[in-house]
Amino acid sequence: MVAGALVGVIVAGALTLMSNGTEQFDAGSVFGFFAVLLMLPGIGLGAVAALVIDRRSVRRAGTAVVESVPEDESGHAGA
């Protein structure tokens, strides 16, 4: 989700540099508007990507069986 927010901020910076400034808004306020506007969808896309990656990893997960090995009198595990 953080990566999606960072992508949103980067796109906001690019849009700010490409936009023609107006007398009513300076570059900082245009950047802030675009950053807030684009971070929200970026966070959403990052969350969806995380869910897809998690779902794929669950399908590939295996099951492990762990058994206890008794120790001998010296404290070492027996083989």
Protein backbone atom coordinates (compact mmCIF):
# COMPACT_ATOMS: atom_id res chain seq x y z
CA MET A 1 0.00 0.00 0.00
CA VAL A 2 2.89 2.30 0.72
CA ALA A 3 4.32 1.61 -2.75
CA GLY A 4 0.96 2.57 -4.29
CA ALA A 5 0.94 5.82 -2.32
CA LEU A 6 4.49 6.59 -3.47
CA VAL A 7 3.50 5.96 -7.08
CA GLY A 8 0.61 8.38 -6.58
CA VAL A 9 2.96 11.05 -5.24
CA ILE A 10 5.39 10.53 -8.14
CA VAL A 11 2.57 10.86 -10.67
CA ALA A 12 1.37 13.98 -8.83
CA GLY A 13 4.86 15.48 -9.15
CA ALA A 14 4.94 14.70 -12.86
CA LEU A 15 1.49 16.24 -13.37
CA THR A 16 2.55 19.32 -11.43
CA LEU A 17 5.63 19.77 -13.60
CA MET A 18 3.62 19.28 -16.80
CA SER A 19 0.76 21.61 -15.83
CA ASN A 20 0.83 25.27 -16.64
CA GLY A 21 0.66 27.33 -13.48
CA THR A 22 -2.23 29.67 -12.99
CA GLU A 23 -2.37 32.94 -11.12
CA GLN A 24 -4.94 31.48 -8.76
CA PHE A 25 -2.92 28.40 -7.61
CA ASP A 26 0.82 28.06 -7.11
CA ALA A 27 2.79 24.87 -7.86
CA GLY A 28 2.76 23.73 -4.21
CA SER A 29 -1.00 23.78 -3.91
CA VAL A 30 -1.40 22.01 -7.28
CA PHE A 31 1.05 19.32 -6.12
CA GLY A 32 -0.79 18.91 -2.81
CA PHE A 33 -4.14 18.55 -4.55
CA PHE A 34 -2.83 15.98 -7.03
CA ALA A 35 -0.93 14.12 -4.29
CA VAL A 36 -4.04 13.68 -2.15
CA LEU A 37 -6.17 12.89 -5.18
CA LEU A 38 -3.76 10.26 -6.56
CA MET A 39 -2.56 8.69 -3.31
CA LEU A 40 -6.01 7.31 -2.52
CA PRO A 41 -6.32 5.21 -5.70
CA GLY A 42 -2.63 4.27 -5.34
CA ILE A 43 -3.26 2.93 -1.84
CA GLY A 44 -6.27 1.00 -3.12
CA LEU A 45 -4.29 -0.53 -5.97
CA GLY A 46 -1.47 -1.39 -3.57
CA ALA A 47 -3.95 -3.14 -1.27
CA VAL A 48 -5.39 -5.13 -4.19
CA ALA A 49 -1.89 -6.10 -5.30
CA ALA A 50 -1.05 -7.23 -1.75
CA LEU A 51 -4.20 -9.36 -1.61
CA VAL A 52 -3.41 -10.98 -4.97
CA ILE A 53 0.17 -11.75 -3.91
CA ASP A 54 -1.07 -13.16 -0.59
CA ARG A 55 -3.65 -15.35 -2.32
CA ARG A 56 -1.02 -16.71 -4.71
CA SER A 57 1.37 -17.47 -1.85
CA VAL A 58 -1.33 -19.36 0.08
CA ARG A 59 -1.94 -21.63 -2.92
CA ARG A 60 1.76 -22.50 -3.13
CA ALA A 61 2.19 -23.08 0.60
CA GLY A 62 2.92 -26.61 1.76
CA THR A 63 2.29 -28.42 5.01
CA ALA A 64 5.12 -29.37 7.32
CA VAL A 65 4.99 -32.01 10.04
CA VAL A 66 7.15 -31.50 13.11
CA GLU A 67 7.83 -34.34 15.51
CA SER A 68 9.44 -34.17 18.91
CA VAL A 69 12.73 -36.04 19.31
CA PRO A 70 13.40 -37.21 22.88
CA GLU A 71 16.69 -36.23 24.48
CA ASP A 72 19.04 -38.79 26.03
CA GLU A 73 20.52 -38.39 29.51
CA SER A 74 23.40 -36.19 28.33
CA GLY A 75 20.97 -33.58 26.99
CA HIS A 76 21.63 -34.25 23.29
CA ALA A 77 18.87 -35.15 20.89
CA GLY A 78 18.97 -38.80 19.90
CA ALA A 79 19.28 -39.77 16.27
